[in-house]
C-alpha atoms as a PDB file:
ATOM      1  CA  GLU A   1      46.428   2.921 -14.309  1.00  0.00           C
ATOM      2  CA  TYR A   2      44.530   2.825 -10.886  1.00  0.00           C
ATOM      3  CA  GLY A   3      46.826  -0.130  -9.497  1.00  0.00           C
ATOM      4  CA  GLU A   4      48.806   2.427 -10.773  1.00  0.00           C
ATOM      5  CA  TYR A   5      48.035   5.463  -9.007  1.00  0.00           C
ATOM      6  CA  LEU A   6      47.712   3.392  -5.896  1.00  0.00           C
ATOM      7  CA  ALA A   7      50.966   2.207  -6.151  1.00  0.00           C
ATOM      8  CA  GLN A   8      52.207   5.070  -5.483  1.00  0.00           C
ATOM      9  CA  GLU A   9      51.889   5.363  -1.941  1.00  0.00           C
ATOM     10  CA  CYS A  10      53.736   1.743  -1.513  1.00  0.00           C
ATOM     11  CA  THR A  11      56.451   2.490  -3.430  1.00  0.00           C
ATOM     12  CA  THR A  12      57.555   5.226  -0.534  1.00  0.00           C
ATOM     13  CA  CYS A  13      59.195   1.834   0.783  1.00  0.00           C
ATOM     14  CA  HIS A  14      58.505  -1.281  -1.781  1.00  0.00           C
ATOM     15  CA  GLN A  15      60.622  -0.175  -4.881  1.00  0.00           C
ATOM     16  CA  ARG A  16      58.962  -0.421  -7.720  1.00  0.00           C
ATOM     17  CA  ASP A  17      61.812  -2.021  -9.696  1.00  0.00           C
ATOM     18  CA  GLY A  18      61.742  -5.033  -7.320  1.00  0.00           C
ATOM     19  CA  THR A  19      65.031  -4.573  -5.500  1.00  0.00           C
ATOM     20  CA  ASP A  20      65.171  -5.631  -1.793  1.00  0.00           C
ATOM     21  CA  ARG A  21      66.688  -2.505   0.179  1.00  0.00           C
ATOM     22  CA  GLY A  22      65.590  -4.008   3.294  1.00  0.00           C
ATOM     23  CA  ILE A  23      62.211  -3.601   2.721  1.00  0.00           C
ATOM     24  CA  PRO A  24      60.638  -7.071   0.344  1.00  0.00           C
ATOM     25  CA  ALA A  25      60.197  -6.589  -3.275  1.00  0.00           C
ATOM     26  CA  ILE A  26      56.316  -7.067  -3.996  1.00  0.00           C
ATOM     27  CA  THR A  27      56.972  -6.785  -8.190  1.00  0.00           C
ATOM     28  CA  GLY A  28      56.241  -9.810 -10.106  1.00  0.00           C
ATOM     29  CA  TRP A  29      53.769 -11.496  -7.352  1.00  0.00           C
ATOM     30  CA  PRO A  30      51.092 -14.160  -8.978  1.00  0.00           C
ATOM     31  CA  GLN A  31      47.835 -11.666  -8.496  1.00  0.00           C
ATOM     32  CA  ASP A  32      45.871 -14.639  -5.998  1.00  0.00           C
ATOM     33  CA  ASP A  33      48.722 -14.064  -3.735  1.00  0.00           C
ATOM     34  CA  PHE A  34      49.143 -10.637  -3.192  1.00  0.00           C
ATOM     35  CA  VAL A  35      45.802 -10.724  -2.397  1.00  0.00           C
ATOM     36  CA  ILE A  36      45.857 -13.391  -0.139  1.00  0.00           C
ATOM     37  CA  ALA A  37      48.566 -11.311   1.499  1.00  0.00           C
ATOM     38  CA  MET A  38      47.575  -8.206   2.079  1.00  0.00           C
ATOM     39  CA  HIS A  39      43.860  -9.842   3.560  1.00  0.00           C
ATOM     40  CA  ALA A  40      46.528 -11.871   5.845  1.00  0.00           C
ATOM     41  CA  TYR A  41      47.313  -8.182   7.014  1.00  0.00           C
ATOM     42  CA  ARG A  42      44.231  -6.857   7.376  1.00  0.00           C
ATOM     43  CA  ILE A  43      43.092  -9.391   9.524  1.00  0.00           C
ATOM     44  CA  GLY A  44      45.919  -9.122  11.413  1.00  0.00           C
ATOM     45  CA  LEU A  45      47.362 -12.721  10.473  1.00  0.00           C
ATOM     46  CA  ARG A  46      50.398 -11.767   9.311  1.00  0.00           C
ATOM     47  CA  PRO A  47      51.681  -9.098  11.860  1.00  0.00           C
ATOM     48  CA  HIS A  48      53.418  -6.170  10.717  1.00  0.00           C
ATOM     49  CA  GLN A  49      52.493  -2.631  12.358  1.00  0.00           C
ATOM     50  CA  VAL A  50      52.710  -0.814   9.067  1.00  0.00           C
ATOM     51  CA  MET A  51      51.175  -3.246   6.262  1.00  0.00           C
ATOM     52  CA  GLU A  52      48.387  -4.142   8.687  1.00  0.00           C
ATOM     53  CA  MET A  53      47.699   0.131   9.234  1.00  0.00           C
ATOM     54  CA  MET A  54      47.756   0.187   5.068  1.00  0.00           C
ATOM     55  CA  ALA A  55      46.124  -3.012   4.601  1.00  0.00           C
ATOM     56  CA  ARG A  56      43.242  -1.304   6.377  1.00  0.00           C
ATOM     57  CA  ARG A  57      43.081   1.671   4.623  1.00  0.00           C
ATOM     58  CA  LEU A  58      42.202  -0.640   1.579  1.00  0.00           C
ATOM     59  CA  ALA A  59      38.798  -1.832   0.096  1.00  0.00           C
ATOM     60  CA  ASP A  60      39.147  -4.580  -1.512  1.00  0.00           C
ATOM     61  CA  ASP A  61      38.834  -3.183  -5.104  1.00  0.00           C
ATOM     62  CA  GLN A  62      42.049  -1.636  -4.322  1.00  0.00           C
ATOM     63  CA  ILE A  63      43.589  -4.513  -2.900  1.00  0.00           C
ATOM     64  CA  ALA A  64      42.902  -6.496  -6.401  1.00  0.00           C
ATOM     65  CA  ALA A  65      44.070  -3.184  -8.743  1.00  0.00           C
ATOM     66  CA  LEU A  66      47.506  -3.415  -6.997  1.00  0.00           C
ATOM     67  CA  ALA A  67      47.642  -6.771  -7.251  1.00  0.00           C
ATOM     68  CA  ALA A  68      47.776  -6.457 -11.188  1.00  0.00           C
ATOM     69  CA  TYR A  69      49.809  -3.764 -11.026  1.00  0.00           C
ATOM     70  CA  PHE A  70      52.496  -5.316  -9.431  1.00  0.00           C
ATOM     71  CA  GLY A  71      51.873  -8.982 -10.459  1.00  0.00           C
ATOM     72  CA  GLY A  72      52.550  -7.444 -14.314  1.00  0.00           C
ATOM     73  CA  LEU A  73      55.987  -5.484 -12.876  1.00  0.00           C
ATOM     74  CA  ASP A  74      59.237  -7.863 -12.573  1.00  0.00           C
END
């Protein structure tokens, strides 16, 4: 439930149904891959201005909740 709540902000850009309309799909990712990607954005290893800003605002438990939520969608 927490991941679904947090996902509302993500889905202003990313499509909940997994379609890619110019913004990559994040549904169905393995949870570990999602967490690694978000941490890479947070520390600037994956450069993307918007995603870096978003990842820096999230605590580890919030990233984990989002990973669990989006990992269960496909």
